[in-house]
Amino acid sequence: MSKNRSGTSVVQSAVGIKGWRERLPTVEEARPACYPSCGAASCPVGGAIQLHGHGTRVRQVRGPSAPLEPAETVEITARRYRCVPCGGVVVVVPREVMAGRLYSAPAIGFAFALWGLVLATAAQVRRQVCPAKILGHTVSGWVTLRRWARDVAQGKLFPSVPGAGPSASLRRVSAHAASALAANADPTSRELAIEQRAFLGAAHAA
């Protein structure tokens, strides 16, 4: 569970973006077991529902849908719920969607691997991960990539990833994060390239 900039709690579903877009889970299917902040059970035994459906919210998600696919921007419909006991709101999103991030977790993990392990330039990473097609000939870096690396170093992004050390460069932080994310990938993907495994593993670390 995490929170977005408005303070609303965000919960990742077990359903991935692809399945979510093919069929939006019903209110019952997506309802969390409890409200993350106060811990109130959503459907207490013998009691009334405490976490009510509270509409939907459409949001964009950026990045490739698969390691070898072109980057794109898609829209997903998130489900919202309001907690009766505390009045708080929780938003339920697909597994790969992260609170306060326009890019999916796999896209960010993929970017870290390309920059930190494959040693692609920041501009090359941007061309593979960013949906914008017109970047200009003068583009030599990607501020967003460095911001992600700083957030990892500060524990704001992928907090389960161990730190790379206080003196590590941002590229080294990215390499360290990518290796940790790749370790989360299903064992059947071990024959894939490291950047592909980082993409797959990041979905489980969002």
Protein backbone atom coordinates (compact mmCIF):
# COMPACT_ATOMS: atom_id res chain seq x y z
CA MET A 1 0.00 0.00 0.00
CA SER A 2 1.19 3.51 -0.80
CA LYS A 3 -0.21 7.01 -0.97
CA ASN A 4 -0.42 9.45 -3.82
CA ARG A 5 0.22 13.18 -3.57
CA SER A 6 -3.35 13.89 -2.41
CA GLY A 7 -2.96 11.53 0.54
CA THR A 8 -5.40 8.97 -0.87
CA SER A 9 -4.32 5.39 -0.22
CA VAL A 10 -3.45 3.33 -3.29
CA VAL A 11 -3.63 -0.45 -3.35
CA GLN A 12 -2.28 -2.64 -6.16
CA SER A 13 -4.57 -5.44 -7.29
CA ALA A 14 -3.30 -8.90 -8.17
CA VAL A 15 -4.65 -8.27 -11.69
CA GLY A 16 -2.19 -6.88 -14.23
CA ILE A 17 -2.79 -3.97 -16.59
CA LYS A 18 -3.56 -6.20 -19.58
CA GLY A 19 -6.23 -8.21 -17.81
CA TRP A 20 -7.61 -5.10 -16.10
CA ARG A 21 -8.09 -3.31 -19.42
CA GLU A 22 -9.67 -6.37 -21.01
CA ARG A 23 -12.26 -6.57 -18.22
CA LEU A 24 -12.58 -4.03 -15.42
CA PRO A 25 -12.96 -5.94 -12.12
CA THR A 26 -16.35 -5.47 -10.47
CA VAL A 27 -16.71 -3.48 -7.24
CA GLU A 28 -16.81 -6.75 -5.32
CA GLU A 29 -13.82 -8.27 -7.09
CA ALA A 30 -11.54 -5.26 -6.61
CA ARG A 31 -12.60 -4.38 -3.04
CA PRO A 32 -9.61 -4.66 -0.65
CA ALA A 33 -9.93 -6.88 2.42
CA CYS A 34 -9.51 -3.84 4.67
CA TYR A 35 -8.90 -0.11 4.56
CA PRO A 36 -5.10 0.27 4.64
CA SER A 37 -4.88 3.27 6.97
CA CYS A 38 -7.31 2.41 9.78
CA GLY A 39 -7.38 -1.36 9.29
CA ALA A 40 -11.18 -1.61 9.22
CA ALA A 41 -12.35 -4.86 7.61
CA SER A 42 -14.20 -4.17 4.37
CA CYS A 43 -16.74 -6.95 4.93
CA PRO A 44 -16.76 -7.96 8.62
CA VAL A 45 -18.38 -11.31 9.38
CA GLY A 46 -22.02 -10.75 10.30
CA GLY A 47 -21.75 -7.00 9.73
CA ALA A 48 -22.41 -4.40 7.07
CA ILE A 49 -19.92 -3.58 4.32
CA GLN A 50 -17.48 -0.96 5.60
CA LEU A 51 -15.64 -0.20 2.36
CA HIS A 52 -18.13 1.07 -0.20
CA GLY A 53 -17.54 1.55 -3.91
CA HIS A 54 -16.96 5.26 -4.50
CA GLY A 55 -16.84 5.59 -8.27
CA THR A 56 -13.91 5.30 -10.64
CA ARG A 57 -11.01 7.41 -11.82
CA VAL A 58 -9.36 7.27 -15.24
CA ARG A 59 -5.60 7.71 -15.30
CA GLN A 60 -2.76 7.28 -17.75
CA VAL A 61 0.08 4.77 -17.53
CA ARG A 62 3.21 5.12 -19.66
CA GLY A 63 5.88 2.72 -20.84
CA PRO A 64 6.23 -0.48 -22.89
CA SER A 65 3.66 -3.22 -22.29
CA ALA A 66 6.46 -5.79 -22.68
CA PRO A 67 10.28 -5.54 -22.84
CA LEU A 68 10.45 -5.75 -26.63
CA GLU A 69 7.34 -3.66 -27.32
CA PRO A 70 7.33 0.06 -28.16
CA ALA A 71 6.48 2.49 -25.37
CA GLU A 72 2.89 3.70 -25.27
CA THR A 73 0.43 5.62 -23.15
CA VAL A 74 -2.68 3.72 -22.08
CA GLU A 75 -5.63 4.64 -19.92
CA ILE A 76 -6.87 2.49 -17.05
CA THR A 77 -9.96 2.90 -14.92
CA ALA A 78 -9.12 2.69 -11.23
CA ARG A 79 -11.78 1.75 -8.69
CA ARG A 80 -12.31 3.98 -5.64
CA TYR A 81 -13.70 3.01 -2.23
CA ARG A 82 -14.66 5.03 0.84
CA CYS A 83 -14.18 3.69 4.35
CA VAL A 84 -17.28 4.14 6.54
CA PRO A 85 -15.46 4.19 9.93
CA CYS A 86 -12.80 6.80 9.06
CA GLY A 87 -14.09 8.41 5.86
CA GLY A 88 -10.85 7.77 4.00
CA VAL A 89 -10.64 6.90 0.30
CA VAL A 90 -8.64 4.10 -1.27
CA VAL A 91 -7.93 3.66 -4.98
CA VAL A 92 -7.38 0.16 -6.37
CA VAL A 93 -5.21 -0.10 -9.49
CA PRO A 94 -3.58 -2.86 -11.57
CA ARG A 95 -0.51 -4.61 -10.15
CA GLU A 96 2.04 -2.59 -12.16
CA VAL A 97 0.63 0.89 -11.41
CA MET A 98 2.42 2.97 -8.78
CA ALA A 99 1.07 5.83 -6.68
CA GLY A 100 2.20 9.22 -7.96
CA ARG A 101 4.01 7.77 -11.00
CA LEU A 102 3.03 8.22 -14.62
CA TYR A 103 5.19 5.26 -15.70
CA SER A 104 4.49 1.65 -14.81
CA ALA A 105 6.75 -0.22 -12.39
CA PRO A 106 8.02 -2.55 -15.18
CA ALA A 107 8.89 0.47 -17.35
CA ILE A 108 10.95 1.98 -14.54
CA GLY A 109 12.70 -1.31 -13.79
CA PHE A 110 13.44 -1.71 -17.49
CA ALA A 111 14.89 1.81 -17.62
CA PHE A 112 17.14 1.10 -14.63
CA ALA A 113 18.50 -2.04 -16.26
CA LEU A 114 19.14 -0.35 -19.58
CA TRP A 115 20.98 2.55 -17.95
CA GLY A 116 22.71 0.79 -15.06
CA LEU A 117 23.50 -2.67 -16.48
CA VAL A 118 23.34 -2.47 -20.28
CA LEU A 119 25.05 0.95 -20.04
CA ALA A 120 22.79 2.63 -22.58
CA THR A 121 22.86 6.40 -22.51
CA ALA A 122 20.03 8.23 -20.79
CA ALA A 123 18.83 9.47 -24.18
CA GLN A 124 18.75 5.89 -25.52
CA VAL A 125 16.78 4.76 -22.47
CA ARG A 126 14.29 7.55 -23.00
CA ARG A 127 13.73 6.49 -26.60
CA GLN A 128 12.85 2.97 -25.45
CA VAL A 129 10.75 3.83 -22.42
CA CYS A 130 9.14 7.21 -23.14
CA PRO A 131 6.09 7.20 -25.47
CA ALA A 132 6.97 10.64 -26.90
CA LYS A 133 8.25 10.10 -30.43
CA ILE A 134 9.53 13.60 -31.16
CA LEU A 135 12.43 14.22 -28.79
CA GLY A 136 14.66 16.39 -30.95
CA HIS A 137 18.28 15.94 -31.98
CA THR A 138 19.58 17.87 -28.97
CA VAL A 139 18.21 15.46 -26.35
CA SER A 140 21.26 14.16 -24.47
CA GLY A 141 19.73 12.87 -21.24
CA TRP A 142 16.55 12.26 -19.33
CA VAL A 143 15.85 14.15 -16.11
CA THR A 144 13.10 11.69 -15.15
CA LEU A 145 15.54 8.77 -15.15
CA ARG A 146 17.87 10.53 -12.72
CA ARG A 147 14.93 11.52 -10.53
CA TRP A 148 13.85 7.87 -10.33
CA ALA A 149 17.37 6.88 -9.29
CA ARG A 150 17.45 9.55 -6.59
CA ASP A 151 14.06 8.36 -5.32
CA VAL A 152 15.37 4.80 -5.07
CA ALA A 153 18.42 6.01 -3.15
CA GLN A 154 16.11 7.86 -0.74
CA GLY A 155 13.73 4.93 -0.31
CA LYS A 156 10.86 6.69 -2.09
CA LEU A 157 10.69 4.25 -4.99
CA PHE A 158 10.84 0.44 -4.74
CA PRO A 159 11.45 0.69 -0.96
CA SER A 160 11.99 -3.08 -0.75
CA VAL A 161 15.18 -2.73 -2.83
CA PRO A 162 18.29 -2.63 -0.59
CA GLY A 163 20.35 0.56 -0.74
CA ALA A 164 23.42 0.77 -2.96
CA GLY A 165 25.40 2.80 -0.42
CA PRO A 166 25.59 6.55 0.34
CA SER A 167 28.43 7.20 -2.11
CA ALA A 168 26.95 5.29 -5.07
CA SER A 169 26.46 7.21 -8.31
CA LEU A 170 22.96 7.41 -9.76
CA ARG A 171 23.92 4.95 -12.50
CA ARG A 172 25.23 2.58 -9.84
CA VAL A 173 21.98 2.99 -7.88
CA SER A 174 20.10 2.09 -11.05
CA ALA A 175 22.24 -1.00 -11.63
CA HIS A 176 21.75 -2.14 -8.04
CA ALA A 177 17.98 -1.62 -8.25
CA ALA A 178 17.73 -3.39 -11.61
CA SER A 179 19.60 -6.44 -10.28
CA ALA A 180 17.32 -6.62 -7.25
CA LEU A 181 14.20 -6.27 -9.39
CA ALA A 182 15.40 -8.92 -11.83
CA ALA A 183 15.73 -11.31 -8.89
CA ASN A 184 11.97 -10.94 -8.36
CA ALA A 185 11.18 -12.30 -11.81
CA ASP A 186 9.71 -15.76 -12.21
CA PRO A 187 12.45 -18.44 -12.31
CA THR A 188 11.23 -19.50 -15.75
CA SER A 189 12.54 -16.18 -17.13
CA ARG A 190 16.17 -16.86 -16.16
CA GLU A 191 17.20 -17.33 -19.80
CA LEU A 192 16.00 -13.85 -20.73
CA ALA A 193 18.25 -10.81 -20.89
CA ILE A 194 18.76 -8.99 -17.59
CA GLU A 195 16.74 -5.95 -18.72
CA GLN A 196 13.79 -8.19 -19.56
CA ARG A 197 13.98 -9.88 -16.16
CA ALA A 198 14.10 -6.47 -14.46
CA PHE A 199 10.97 -5.49 -16.38
CA LEU A 200 9.14 -8.62 -15.24
CA GLY A 201 10.40 -8.52 -11.67
CA ALA A 202 9.46 -4.88 -11.13
CA ALA A 203 5.78 -5.77 -11.43
CA HIS A 204 6.07 -7.67 -8.16
CA ALA A 205 7.92 -4.90 -6.32
CA ALA A 206 5.60 -1.96 -7.04
